[in-house]
Structures are given as C-alpha cells and as structure tokens.
C-alpha cells in the first residue's frame, strides 16, 4: 500500500514539473517568424496577364470593361476566378528571401530557364515579372524570382498559372453584357408543332402558346436557376459540323441581338454549342431538361 502511495506521489511530481515546463518555456509564435511580402501591388493596377511556358503555348488575358477576356491562344471569355488566382501571387508572403543579383544564384534555383514566366502588365505598359524555378526538395515549395529577390512559395501560385487551358474559359453561356429578353424554341423537337416563343413584355412573361398559363414566379425562377445561375459542369472547343443538321434555338437579348445555340446532344448529358464563340457546354441531363422546357402549365404536354 505504501509503495503504491509513493508511485502516485512520484507521478504527481512529474506531472507538476511538466506543467511548469510548458508554462515557463519560451513560446514560438507565428508572429515571431519573419514574413517577406513578395509585392505591395494592387489587383486594380493591372489590365493584362501573360503566362509563358518553355515547351507549350502561352496564355494571355486582357481586362475589358472590368471583365477578363482570354486573348491567346484563343479569343474567349475567361473564368474570372481563374485569372484572379493567377494574380494572387502579388499578395504572397514567404519566410525565405534571397538576394539574386548573379547568374550563379539564378542557376542554383532553376531561374535562368524558368518553368513559368508570369508577367502582369499595367495600362501604361509597365510590367512586373515573376519567374518560377525549381522546387525545394525538403518541403516541395517553389523558388520564385521577382525584382532580384528569390522567394520560396507554396505550389498554389504555379498551379494557378498552369491550369488547363479549357478550365480557364468562362463556364457561363452568356457575355456579361448579354441580358435575356426571350427565347425562340421553334426549332426544338418538343416545341416544333407549337412554335414556342417566350418573351418578357413590360416585365411579364408572355408565351406564344394560347393554352399556356404561365406563372410569373415559376418562370422567373426557371430563368434564374436554369440559365442565369447555372454554369456548365465542363466545356470544350466547338466547331459546328456543316454536314450534320442539329436542332437549335435562339435566345433574344434586351439590346435586340440574338444568340443561337445548337443542341448537339440531349442524353446522357445536354451538350449545347455556341457557334459564334466556338464553345460546347456540358450540362447534366436533369438540368438540361429544365433548361429546354420552361414551366408553362399546359393542359397536356406537347408532343415530342
């Protein structure tokens, strides 16, 4: 019994010593680590982004009316978030900064032949350049050169610049300036016999089918969820096959313009091609069905 009591007392002393050590030992906090800012630039400073690679075509973006457009290798609407991820390097911080004013230092970190060259260009044509070199073998972070200084940065910045080209396209089917005024579904199979047109007239939806009893709230929700806030799950470049006739429909815009979409496929997923921009949009079949079948409250479903 006495032996057990001594063991318990010894354990208590050890525990007390451990608590005292943890309480009194110097605390290493993140705030004590030196953090070097790669830059103090602002996103709004730049209106052009160029990404160059040694063995494949580069990618370029240009801001037009506050909206990023891809200018190379294709002219297309860009995914705004993808471009912002590339630009995020201007806010990067590193615990490592090495002055690099000689060729030997650049060679050491693979910066004489960089894996990526990123240029951010201002409207006055002045630019800031970031070169991405080799990776640190210990933590796999990457050496990046800017203004004669080498920083060790996470891989997220290189990954943003190396995003697959097709993932840098805008997945929404409309330009920011395109505002929907109506739909002409005349040439879709399910609406051919009724020649359906659906238009916003003085803020209210009007269907060309006499038997339709459109509910305004339902149609507003349909427009919102099926078209305005329904980005494609994926996309690819599209060149219409002139030898093959496919169903199509027209979306009418508020400025009087019209946008044609080809219904290339309906199942197992909906494929919509936009010929004027050369993009094919992929939608799940259930979402696709909703997109092409507005809620009109018809007495009977139109023949397909």
C-alpha atoms as a PDB file:
ATOM      1  CA  UNK A   1       0.000   0.000   0.000  1.00  0.00           C
ATOM      2  CA  UNK A   2       2.830   2.374   0.942  1.00  0.00           C
ATOM      3  CA  UNK A   3       4.618   1.509  -2.314  1.00  0.00           C
ATOM      4  CA  UNK A   4       1.520   2.420  -4.367  1.00  0.00           C
ATOM      5  CA  UNK A   5       1.241   5.708  -2.490  1.00  0.00           C
ATOM      6  CA  UNK A   6       4.882   6.559  -3.330  1.00  0.00           C
ATOM      7  CA  UNK A   7       4.291   5.762  -7.018  1.00  0.00           C
ATOM      8  CA  UNK A   8       1.283   8.078  -7.112  1.00  0.00           C
ATOM      9  CA  UNK A   9       3.288  10.829  -5.413  1.00  0.00           C
ATOM     10  CA  UNK A  10       6.101  10.432  -7.946  1.00  0.00           C
ATOM     11  CA  UNK A  11       3.654  10.666 -10.845  1.00  0.00           C
ATOM     12  CA  UNK A  12       2.182  13.822  -9.336  1.00  0.00           C
ATOM     13  CA  UNK A  13       5.624  15.422  -9.084  1.00  0.00           C
ATOM     14  CA  UNK A  14       6.404  14.516 -12.718  1.00  0.00           C
ATOM     15  CA  UNK A  15       3.082  15.963 -13.883  1.00  0.00           C
ATOM     16  CA  UNK A  16       3.646  19.175 -11.940  1.00  0.00           C
ATOM     17  CA  UNK A  17       7.122  19.523 -13.423  1.00  0.00           C
ATOM     18  CA  UNK A  18       5.758  19.018 -16.939  1.00  0.00           C
ATOM     19  CA  UNK A  19       3.060  21.658 -16.444  1.00  0.00           C
ATOM     20  CA  UNK A  20       5.644  24.113 -15.099  1.00  0.00           C
ATOM     21  CA  UNK A  21       7.925  23.455 -18.086  1.00  0.00           C
ATOM     22  CA  UNK A  22       5.164  24.008 -20.624  1.00  0.00           C
ATOM     23  CA  UNK A  23       4.069  27.180 -18.882  1.00  0.00           C
ATOM     24  CA  UNK A  24       7.507  28.702 -18.453  1.00  0.00           C
ATOM     25  CA  UNK A  25       9.208  27.670 -21.709  1.00  0.00           C
ATOM     26  CA  UNK A  26       9.630  30.377 -24.395  1.00  0.00           C
ATOM     27  CA  UNK A  27       6.707  30.421 -26.813  1.00  0.00           C
ATOM     28  CA  UNK A  28       7.494  30.332 -30.564  1.00  0.00           C
ATOM     29  CA  UNK A  29       4.558  32.016 -32.242  1.00  0.00           C
ATOM     30  CA  UNK A  30       3.936  32.547 -35.922  1.00  0.00           C
ATOM     31  CA  UNK A  31       4.192  36.283 -35.327  1.00  0.00           C
ATOM     32  CA  UNK A  32       7.876  35.886 -34.393  1.00  0.00           C
ATOM     33  CA  UNK A  33       8.678  34.479 -37.838  1.00  0.00           C
ATOM     34  CA  UNK A  34       9.791  36.995 -40.406  1.00  0.00           C
ATOM     35  CA  UNK A  35       7.355  37.244 -43.306  1.00  0.00           C
ATOM     36  CA  UNK A  36       8.550  38.820 -46.546  1.00  0.00           C
ATOM     37  CA  UNK A  37       5.940  40.293 -48.861  1.00  0.00           C
ATOM     38  CA  UNK A  38       6.584  39.413 -52.477  1.00  0.00           C
ATOM     39  CA  UNK A  39       4.985  42.704 -53.532  1.00  0.00           C
ATOM     40  CA  UNK A  40       2.750  45.550 -52.423  1.00  0.00           C
ATOM     41  CA  UNK A  41       0.885  45.832 -55.717  1.00  0.00           C
ATOM     42  CA  UNK A  42      -2.892  46.074 -56.090  1.00  0.00           C
ATOM     43  CA  UNK A  43      -5.072  43.959 -58.384  1.00  0.00           C
ATOM     44  CA  UNK A  44      -6.533  47.065 -59.975  1.00  0.00           C
ATOM     45  CA  UNK A  45      -3.090  48.120 -61.248  1.00  0.00           C
ATOM     46  CA  UNK A  46      -3.012  45.500 -63.993  1.00  0.00           C
ATOM     47  CA  UNK A  47      -5.095  45.018 -67.109  1.00  0.00           C
ATOM     48  CA  UNK A  48      -3.040  42.328 -68.874  1.00  0.00           C
ATOM     49  CA  UNK A  49      -1.733  38.944 -67.742  1.00  0.00           C
ATOM     50  CA  UNK A  50       0.743  36.885 -69.765  1.00  0.00           C
ATOM     51  CA  UNK A  51       1.792  33.346 -68.813  1.00  0.00           C
ATOM     52  CA  UNK A  52       4.684  31.814 -70.783  1.00  0.00           C
ATOM     53  CA  UNK A  53       5.983  28.229 -70.773  1.00  0.00           C
ATOM     54  CA  UNK A  54       9.170  26.819 -72.326  1.00  0.00           C
ATOM     55  CA  UNK A  55       7.508  23.911 -74.163  1.00  0.00           C
ATOM     56  CA  UNK A  56       3.896  24.889 -74.855  1.00  0.00           C
ATOM     57  CA  UNK A  57       1.812  27.829 -75.991  1.00  0.00           C
ATOM     58  CA  UNK A  58       1.367  30.634 -73.514  1.00  0.00           C
ATOM     59  CA  UNK A  59      -1.875  32.122 -72.244  1.00  0.00           C
ATOM     60  CA  UNK A  60      -2.820  35.814 -72.183  1.00  0.00           C
ATOM     61  CA  UNK A  61      -5.698  37.748 -70.653  1.00  0.00           C
ATOM     62  CA  UNK A  62      -6.900  41.315 -71.090  1.00  0.00           C
ATOM     63  CA  UNK A  63      -9.345  43.203 -68.889  1.00  0.00           C
ATOM     64  CA  UNK A  64     -12.142  44.711 -70.990  1.00  0.00           C
ATOM     65  CA  UNK A  65     -14.872  46.719 -69.250  1.00  0.00           C
ATOM     66  CA  UNK A  66     -13.735  45.261 -65.908  1.00  0.00           C
ATOM     67  CA  UNK A  67     -14.116  41.718 -67.236  1.00  0.00           C
ATOM     68  CA  UNK A  68     -11.171  39.434 -68.037  1.00  0.00           C
ATOM     69  CA  UNK A  69     -11.048  38.110 -71.591  1.00  0.00           C
ATOM     70  CA  UNK A  70      -8.672  35.469 -72.915  1.00  0.00           C
ATOM     71  CA  UNK A  71      -6.701  36.824 -75.873  1.00  0.00           C
ATOM     72  CA  UNK A  72      -4.335  33.890 -76.556  1.00  0.00           C
ATOM     73  CA  UNK A  73      -4.162  31.145 -77.613  1.00  0.00           C
ATOM     74  CA  UNK A  74      -7.933  31.622 -78.121  1.00  0.00           C
ATOM     75  CA  UNK A  75     -10.135  34.686 -78.037  1.00  0.00           C
ATOM     76  CA  UNK A  76     -12.775  33.867 -75.440  1.00  0.00           C
ATOM     77  CA  UNK A  77     -14.424  34.924 -72.216  1.00  0.00           C
ATOM     78  CA  UNK A  78     -12.195  33.967 -69.302  1.00  0.00           C
ATOM     79  CA  UNK A  79     -13.112  32.396 -65.993  1.00  0.00           C
ATOM     80  CA  UNK A  80     -12.799  35.401 -63.684  1.00  0.00           C
ATOM     81  CA  UNK A  81     -11.817  33.348 -60.637  1.00  0.00           C
ATOM     82  CA  UNK A  82      -9.100  31.513 -62.582  1.00  0.00           C
ATOM     83  CA  UNK A  83      -7.464  34.814 -63.569  1.00  0.00           C
ATOM     84  CA  UNK A  84      -7.721  36.149 -60.020  1.00  0.00           C
ATOM     85  CA  UNK A  85      -5.944  33.035 -58.749  1.00  0.00           C
ATOM     86  CA  UNK A  86      -3.051  33.809 -61.082  1.00  0.00           C
ATOM     87  CA  UNK A  87      -2.959  37.417 -59.879  1.00  0.00           C
ATOM     88  CA  UNK A  88      -2.991  36.336 -56.233  1.00  0.00           C
ATOM     89  CA  UNK A  89       0.799  35.993 -56.314  1.00  0.00           C
ATOM     90  CA  UNK A  90       1.042  39.731 -55.669  1.00  0.00           C
ATOM     91  CA  UNK A  91      -0.283  39.082 -52.146  1.00  0.00           C
ATOM     92  CA  UNK A  92       2.056  36.137 -51.443  1.00  0.00           C
ATOM     93  CA  UNK A  93       4.341  36.072 -48.407  1.00  0.00           C
ATOM     94  CA  UNK A  94       7.407  33.973 -47.707  1.00  0.00           C
ATOM     95  CA  UNK A  95       9.645  33.185 -44.759  1.00  0.00           C
ATOM     96  CA  UNK A  96      12.587  32.973 -47.145  1.00  0.00           C
ATOM     97  CA  UNK A  97      14.093  35.773 -49.202  1.00  0.00           C
ATOM     98  CA  UNK A  98      17.405  35.513 -51.010  1.00  0.00           C
ATOM     99  CA  UNK A  99      19.027  38.322 -52.955  1.00  0.00           C
ATOM    100  CA  UNK A 100      19.728  37.164 -56.501  1.00  0.00           C
ATOM    101  CA  UNK A 101      21.889  39.530 -58.492  1.00  0.00           C
ATOM    102  CA  UNK A 102      24.224  36.986 -60.124  1.00  0.00           C
ATOM    103  CA  UNK A 103      23.767  34.209 -62.639  1.00  0.00           C
ATOM    104  CA  UNK A 104      25.095  31.525 -60.287  1.00  0.00           C
ATOM    105  CA  UNK A 105      22.263  32.124 -57.812  1.00  0.00           C
ATOM    106  CA  UNK A 106      19.695  32.026 -60.587  1.00  0.00           C
ATOM    107  CA  UNK A 107      21.165  28.749 -61.886  1.00  0.00           C
ATOM    108  CA  UNK A 108      21.048  27.249 -58.404  1.00  0.00           C
ATOM    109  CA  UNK A 109      17.301  27.756 -58.231  1.00  0.00           C
ATOM    110  CA  UNK A 110      16.487  26.946 -61.873  1.00  0.00           C
ATOM    111  CA  UNK A 111      15.620  30.555 -62.702  1.00  0.00           C
ATOM    112  CA  UNK A 112      17.825  31.057 -65.762  1.00  0.00           C
ATOM    113  CA  UNK A 113      15.483  28.619 -67.534  1.00  0.00           C
ATOM    114  CA  UNK A 114      12.239  29.085 -65.610  1.00  0.00           C
ATOM    115  CA  UNK A 115       9.331  26.649 -65.750  1.00  0.00           C
ATOM    116  CA  UNK A 116       6.889  29.579 -65.897  1.00  0.00           C
ATOM    117  CA  UNK A 117       7.245  33.258 -66.708  1.00  0.00           C
ATOM    118  CA  UNK A 118       4.364  35.349 -65.419  1.00  0.00           C
ATOM    119  CA  UNK A 119       4.040  38.978 -66.498  1.00  0.00           C
ATOM    120  CA  UNK A 120       1.480  41.395 -65.055  1.00  0.00           C
ATOM    121  CA  UNK A 121       1.125  44.460 -67.247  1.00  0.00           C
ATOM    122  CA  UNK A 122      -0.296  47.889 -66.390  1.00  0.00           C
ATOM    123  CA  UNK A 123      -2.233  50.121 -68.793  1.00  0.00           C
ATOM    124  CA  UNK A 124       0.905  52.251 -69.273  1.00  0.00           C
ATOM    125  CA  UNK A 125       2.748  49.075 -70.462  1.00  0.00           C
ATOM    126  CA  UNK A 126       4.988  48.860 -67.397  1.00  0.00           C
ATOM    127  CA  UNK A 127       5.064  45.342 -66.045  1.00  0.00           C
ATOM    128  CA  UNK A 128       6.044  43.113 -63.157  1.00  0.00           C
ATOM    129  CA  UNK A 129       7.627  39.739 -63.897  1.00  0.00           C
ATOM    130  CA  UNK A 130       7.666  36.580 -61.789  1.00  0.00           C
ATOM    131  CA  UNK A 131       9.865  33.614 -62.731  1.00  0.00           C
ATOM    132  CA  UNK A 132       9.127  30.146 -61.324  1.00  0.00           C
ATOM    133  CA  UNK A 133      12.139  27.858 -60.842  1.00  0.00           C
ATOM    134  CA  UNK A 134      12.837  24.513 -59.175  1.00  0.00           C
ATOM    135  CA  UNK A 135      11.240  23.071 -56.049  1.00  0.00           C
ATOM    136  CA  UNK A 136      12.826  22.804 -52.625  1.00  0.00           C
ATOM    137  CA  UNK A 137      13.462  19.071 -52.020  1.00  0.00           C
ATOM    138  CA  UNK A 138      12.556  19.347 -48.321  1.00  0.00           C
ATOM    139  CA  UNK A 139       9.120  20.981 -48.435  1.00  0.00           C
ATOM    140  CA  UNK A 140       8.436  20.937 -52.211  1.00  0.00           C
ATOM    141  CA  UNK A 141       7.815  24.689 -52.226  1.00  0.00           C
ATOM    142  CA  UNK A 142       8.932  26.557 -55.342  1.00  0.00           C
ATOM    143  CA  UNK A 143      11.591  29.196 -55.847  1.00  0.00           C
ATOM    144  CA  UNK A 144      10.144  32.344 -57.428  1.00  0.00           C
ATOM    145  CA  UNK A 145      12.132  35.355 -58.609  1.00  0.00           C
ATOM    146  CA  UNK A 146      10.799  38.901 -58.503  1.00  0.00           C
ATOM    147  CA  UNK A 147      12.784  42.139 -58.516  1.00  0.00           C
ATOM    148  CA  UNK A 148      16.176  40.457 -57.933  1.00  0.00           C
ATOM    149  CA  UNK A 149      14.927  38.506 -54.937  1.00  0.00           C
ATOM    150  CA  UNK A 150      14.117  34.804 -54.692  1.00  0.00           C
ATOM    151  CA  UNK A 151      11.201  33.700 -52.523  1.00  0.00           C
ATOM    152  CA  UNK A 152      10.156  30.201 -51.502  1.00  0.00           C
ATOM    153  CA  UNK A 153       6.412  29.930 -52.164  1.00  0.00           C
ATOM    154  CA  UNK A 154       3.664  27.329 -51.994  1.00  0.00           C
ATOM    155  CA  UNK A 155       2.822  25.464 -55.193  1.00  0.00           C
ATOM    156  CA  UNK A 156      -0.631  27.055 -55.441  1.00  0.00           C
ATOM    157  CA  UNK A 157       0.719  30.001 -57.441  1.00  0.00           C
ATOM    158  CA  UNK A 158       2.329  27.822 -60.118  1.00  0.00           C
ATOM    159  CA  UNK A 159      -0.722  25.563 -60.189  1.00  0.00           C
ATOM    160  CA  UNK A 160      -2.960  28.573 -60.860  1.00  0.00           C
ATOM    161  CA  UNK A 161      -0.784  29.617 -63.802  1.00  0.00           C
ATOM    162  CA  UNK A 162      -0.626  26.057 -65.155  1.00  0.00           C
ATOM    163  CA  UNK A 163      -4.392  25.426 -65.038  1.00  0.00           C
ATOM    164  CA  UNK A 164      -5.555  23.514 -68.122  1.00  0.00           C
ATOM    165  CA  UNK A 165      -6.494  25.925 -70.874  1.00  0.00           C
ATOM    166  CA  UNK A 166     -10.106  24.768 -71.175  1.00  0.00           C
ATOM    167  CA  UNK A 167     -10.605  25.325 -67.424  1.00  0.00           C
ATOM    168  CA  UNK A 168      -9.740  28.999 -67.903  1.00  0.00           C
ATOM    169  CA  UNK A 169     -12.794  29.596 -70.099  1.00  0.00           C
ATOM    170  CA  UNK A 170     -15.928  31.131 -68.613  1.00  0.00           C
ATOM    171  CA  UNK A 171     -18.434  28.322 -67.967  1.00  0.00           C
ATOM    172  CA  UNK A 172     -21.480  30.576 -68.178  1.00  0.00           C
ATOM    173  CA  UNK A 173     -23.056  30.635 -71.654  1.00  0.00           C
ATOM    174  CA  UNK A 174     -23.521  34.427 -71.866  1.00  0.00           C
ATOM    175  CA  UNK A 175     -21.370  37.519 -72.041  1.00  0.00           C
ATOM    176  CA  UNK A 176     -21.651  39.914 -69.065  1.00  0.00           C
ATOM    177  CA  UNK A 177     -23.373  42.449 -71.326  1.00  0.00           C
ATOM    178  CA  UNK A 178     -25.987  39.980 -72.613  1.00  0.00           C
ATOM    179  CA  UNK A 179     -29.329  40.327 -70.813  1.00  0.00           C
ATOM    180  CA  UNK A 180     -32.054  37.843 -71.732  1.00  0.00           C
ATOM    181  CA  UNK A 181     -35.346  39.146 -73.130  1.00  0.00           C
ATOM    182  CA  UNK A 182     -36.828  35.971 -74.559  1.00  0.00           C
ATOM    183  CA  UNK A 183     -36.492  32.507 -76.073  1.00  0.00           C
ATOM    184  CA  UNK A 184     -37.351  31.145 -79.510  1.00  0.00           C
ATOM    185  CA  UNK A 185     -37.675  27.366 -79.144  1.00  0.00           C
ATOM    186  CA  UNK A 186     -39.367  26.966 -82.545  1.00  0.00           C
ATOM    187  CA  UNK A 187     -36.780  24.534 -83.906  1.00  0.00           C
ATOM    188  CA  UNK A 188     -36.572  22.180 -80.930  1.00  0.00           C
ATOM    189  CA  UNK A 189     -38.396  18.881 -81.480  1.00  0.00           C
ATOM    190  CA  UNK A 190     -40.680  19.172 -78.467  1.00  0.00           C
ATOM    191  CA  UNK A 191     -41.841  22.662 -79.480  1.00  0.00           C
ATOM    192  CA  UNK A 192     -41.860  22.442 -83.288  1.00  0.00           C
ATOM    193  CA  UNK A 193     -45.587  21.866 -83.537  1.00  0.00           C
ATOM    194  CA  UNK A 194     -46.435  24.735 -81.190  1.00  0.00           C
ATOM    195  CA  UNK A 195     -43.599  27.051 -82.364  1.00  0.00           C
ATOM    196  CA  UNK A 196     -42.953  28.218 -78.820  1.00  0.00           C
ATOM    197  CA  UNK A 197     -41.685  31.726 -78.208  1.00  0.00           C
ATOM    198  CA  UNK A 198     -41.372  33.009 -74.663  1.00  0.00           C
ATOM    199  CA  UNK A 199     -40.815  36.727 -74.140  1.00  0.00           C
ATOM    200  CA  UNK A 200     -40.548  39.299 -71.382  1.00  0.00           C
ATOM    201  CA  UNK A 201     -43.002  42.074 -72.221  1.00  0.00           C
ATOM    202  CA  UNK A 202     -43.175  45.001 -69.803  1.00  0.00           C
ATOM    203  CA  UNK A 203     -41.643  42.826 -67.107  1.00  0.00           C
ATOM    204  CA  UNK A 204     -44.052  39.898 -67.584  1.00  0.00           C
ATOM    205  CA  UNK A 205     -43.565  36.588 -69.385  1.00  0.00           C
ATOM    206  CA  UNK A 206     -45.757  36.013 -72.414  1.00  0.00           C
ATOM    207  CA  UNK A 207     -45.936  32.615 -74.146  1.00  0.00           C
ATOM    208  CA  UNK A 208     -46.947  32.221 -77.783  1.00  0.00           C
ATOM    209  CA  UNK A 209     -48.984  29.091 -76.960  1.00  0.00           C
ATOM    210  CA  UNK A 210     -52.583  30.119 -76.256  1.00  0.00           C
ATOM    211  CA  UNK A 211     -53.247  27.214 -73.909  1.00  0.00           C
ATOM    212  CA  UNK A 212     -50.298  28.118 -71.682  1.00  0.00           C
ATOM    213  CA  UNK A 213     -50.975  29.606 -68.275  1.00  0.00           C
ATOM    214  CA  UNK A 214     -47.540  30.863 -67.275  1.00  0.00           C
ATOM    215  CA  UNK A 215     -46.913  31.554 -63.605  1.00  0.00           C
ATOM    216  CA  UNK A 216     -44.632  34.587 -63.415  1.00  0.00           C
ATOM    217  CA  UNK A 217     -42.792  33.458 -60.277  1.00  0.00           C
ATOM    218  CA  UNK A 218     -42.187  29.992 -61.692  1.00  0.00           C
ATOM    219  CA  UNK A 219     -40.790  31.408 -64.927  1.00  0.00           C
ATOM    220  CA  UNK A 220     -38.580  33.901 -63.092  1.00  0.00           C
ATOM    221  CA  UNK A 221     -37.172  31.055 -61.008  1.00  0.00           C
ATOM    222  CA  UNK A 222     -36.706  28.961 -64.149  1.00  0.00           C
ATOM    223  CA  UNK A 223     -34.738  31.770 -65.807  1.00  0.00           C
ATOM    224  CA  UNK A 224     -32.651  32.300 -62.698  1.00  0.00           C
ATOM    225  CA  UNK A 225     -31.791  28.706 -61.845  1.00  0.00           C
ATOM    226  CA  UNK A 226     -31.746  27.180 -65.328  1.00  0.00           C
ATOM    227  CA  UNK A 227     -29.966  29.928 -67.223  1.00  0.00           C
ATOM    228  CA  UNK A 228     -28.556  32.838 -65.231  1.00  0.00           C
ATOM    229  CA  UNK A 229     -27.005  30.875 -62.358  1.00  0.00           C
ATOM    230  CA  UNK A 230     -26.325  27.544 -64.000  1.00  0.00           C
ATOM    231  CA  UNK A 231     -22.712  27.317 -65.186  1.00  0.00           C
ATOM    232  CA  UNK A 232     -21.793  24.318 -67.305  1.00  0.00           C
ATOM    233  CA  UNK A 233     -20.114  21.453 -65.478  1.00  0.00           C
ATOM    234  CA  UNK A 234     -17.455  21.416 -68.206  1.00  0.00           C
ATOM    235  CA  UNK A 235     -16.836  22.691 -71.705  1.00  0.00           C
ATOM    236  CA  UNK A 236     -14.756  22.159 -74.810  1.00  0.00           C
ATOM    237  CA  UNK A 237     -13.948  23.937 -78.037  1.00  0.00           C
ATOM    238  CA  UNK A 238     -16.686  23.635 -80.659  1.00  0.00           C
ATOM    239  CA  UNK A 239     -16.717  23.757 -84.436  1.00  0.00           C
ATOM    240  CA  UNK A 240     -20.147  23.048 -85.993  1.00  0.00           C
ATOM    241  CA  UNK A 241     -20.252  20.193 -88.461  1.00  0.00           C
ATOM    242  CA  UNK A 242     -21.793  21.796 -91.549  1.00  0.00           C
ATOM    243  CA  UNK A 243     -22.708  18.354 -92.910  1.00  0.00           C
ATOM    244  CA  UNK A 244     -24.871  17.489 -89.908  1.00  0.00           C
ATOM    245  CA  UNK A 245     -28.051  19.387 -89.101  1.00  0.00           C
ATOM    246  CA  UNK A 246     -28.804  19.597 -85.388  1.00  0.00           C
ATOM    247  CA  UNK A 247     -31.748  21.176 -83.532  1.00  0.00           C
ATOM    248  CA  UNK A 248     -31.156  24.741 -82.409  1.00  0.00           C
ATOM    249  CA  UNK A 249     -32.840  27.602 -80.580  1.00  0.00           C
ATOM    250  CA  UNK A 250     -32.445  31.346 -80.234  1.00  0.00           C
ATOM    251  CA  UNK A 251     -32.095  33.439 -77.090  1.00  0.00           C
ATOM    252  CA  UNK A 252     -33.175  37.046 -77.567  1.00  0.00           C
ATOM    253  CA  UNK A 253     -31.322  39.824 -75.762  1.00  0.00           C
ATOM    254  CA  UNK A 254     -32.526  43.167 -74.449  1.00  0.00           C
ATOM    255  CA  UNK A 255     -30.344  45.099 -76.890  1.00  0.00           C
ATOM    256  CA  UNK A 256     -32.036  43.382 -79.839  1.00  0.00           C
ATOM    257  CA  UNK A 257     -29.244  40.915 -80.531  1.00  0.00           C
ATOM    258  CA  UNK A 258     -29.805  37.168 -80.770  1.00  0.00           C
ATOM    259  CA  UNK A 259     -27.633  34.243 -79.710  1.00  0.00           C
ATOM    260  CA  UNK A 260     -28.000  30.861 -81.384  1.00  0.00           C
ATOM    261  CA  UNK A 261     -27.334  27.608 -79.554  1.00  0.00           C
ATOM    262  CA  UNK A 262     -27.058  24.179 -81.183  1.00  0.00           C
ATOM    263  CA  UNK A 263     -28.490  21.233 -79.247  1.00  0.00           C
ATOM    264  CA  UNK A 264     -25.780  18.747 -80.142  1.00  0.00           C
ATOM    265  CA  UNK A 265     -26.923  16.063 -77.703  1.00  0.00           C
ATOM    266  CA  UNK A 266     -29.623  15.668 -75.057  1.00  0.00           C
ATOM    267  CA  UNK A 267     -28.701  12.384 -73.346  1.00  0.00           C
ATOM    268  CA  UNK A 268     -26.872  11.153 -71.283  1.00  0.00           C
ATOM    269  CA  UNK A 269     -25.976  14.828 -70.876  1.00  0.00           C
ATOM    270  CA  UNK A 270     -27.060  18.003 -72.621  1.00  0.00           C
ATOM    271  CA  UNK A 271     -24.464  19.430 -74.993  1.00  0.00           C
ATOM    272  CA  UNK A 272     -25.116  22.997 -76.138  1.00  0.00           C
ATOM    273  CA  UNK A 273     -22.860  24.542 -78.747  1.00  0.00           C
ATOM    274  CA  UNK A 274     -22.478  28.274 -79.155  1.00  0.00           C
ATOM    275  CA  UNK A 275     -21.183  28.645 -82.732  1.00  0.00           C
ATOM    276  CA  UNK A 276     -20.301  32.352 -82.546  1.00  0.00           C
ATOM    277  CA  UNK A 277     -17.881  31.727 -79.662  1.00  0.00           C
ATOM    278  CA  UNK A 278     -16.819  28.189 -80.564  1.00  0.00           C
ATOM    279  CA  UNK A 279     -17.683  26.669 -77.169  1.00  0.00           C
ATOM    280  CA  UNK A 280     -19.562  23.459 -76.338  1.00  0.00           C
ATOM    281  CA  UNK A 281     -21.214  23.468 -72.889  1.00  0.00           C
ATOM    282  CA  UNK A 282     -21.863  20.248 -70.934  1.00  0.00           C
ATOM    283  CA  UNK A 283     -24.866  20.080 -68.565  1.00  0.00           C
ATOM    284  CA  UNK A 284     -26.285  17.178 -66.530  1.00  0.00           C
ATOM    285  CA  UNK A 285     -29.361  15.667 -68.196  1.00  0.00           C
ATOM    286  CA  UNK A 286     -31.791  16.777 -65.473  1.00  0.00           C
ATOM    287  CA  UNK A 287     -30.586  20.370 -65.580  1.00  0.00           C
ATOM    288  CA  UNK A 288     -30.610  20.208 -69.371  1.00  0.00           C
ATOM    289  CA  UNK A 289     -34.226  19.069 -69.482  1.00  0.00           C
ATOM    290  CA  UNK A 290     -35.252  22.014 -67.296  1.00  0.00           C
ATOM    291  CA  UNK A 291     -33.342  24.475 -69.476  1.00  0.00           C
ATOM    292  CA  UNK A 292     -35.256  23.498 -72.614  1.00  0.00           C
ATOM    293  CA  UNK A 293     -38.672  23.001 -71.033  1.00  0.00           C
ATOM    294  CA  UNK A 294     -39.957  26.121 -69.286  1.00  0.00           C
ATOM    295  CA  UNK A 295     -42.895  25.673 -66.857  1.00  0.00           C
ATOM    296  CA  UNK A 296     -45.884  26.781 -68.933  1.00  0.00           C
ATOM    297  CA  UNK A 297     -48.685  24.927 -67.117  1.00  0.00           C
ATOM    298  CA  UNK A 298     -50.066  23.452 -70.326  1.00  0.00           C
ATOM    299  CA  UNK A 299     -53.186  21.254 -70.203  1.00  0.00           C
ATOM    300  CA  UNK A 300     -51.241  18.461 -71.859  1.00  0.00           C
ATOM    301  CA  UNK A 301     -47.541  18.055 -72.583  1.00  0.00           C
ATOM    302  CA  UNK A 302     -46.544  18.988 -76.139  1.00  0.00           C
ATOM    303  CA  UNK A 303     -45.869  16.034 -78.385  1.00  0.00           C
ATOM    304  CA  UNK A 304     -42.213  15.172 -78.771  1.00  0.00           C
END
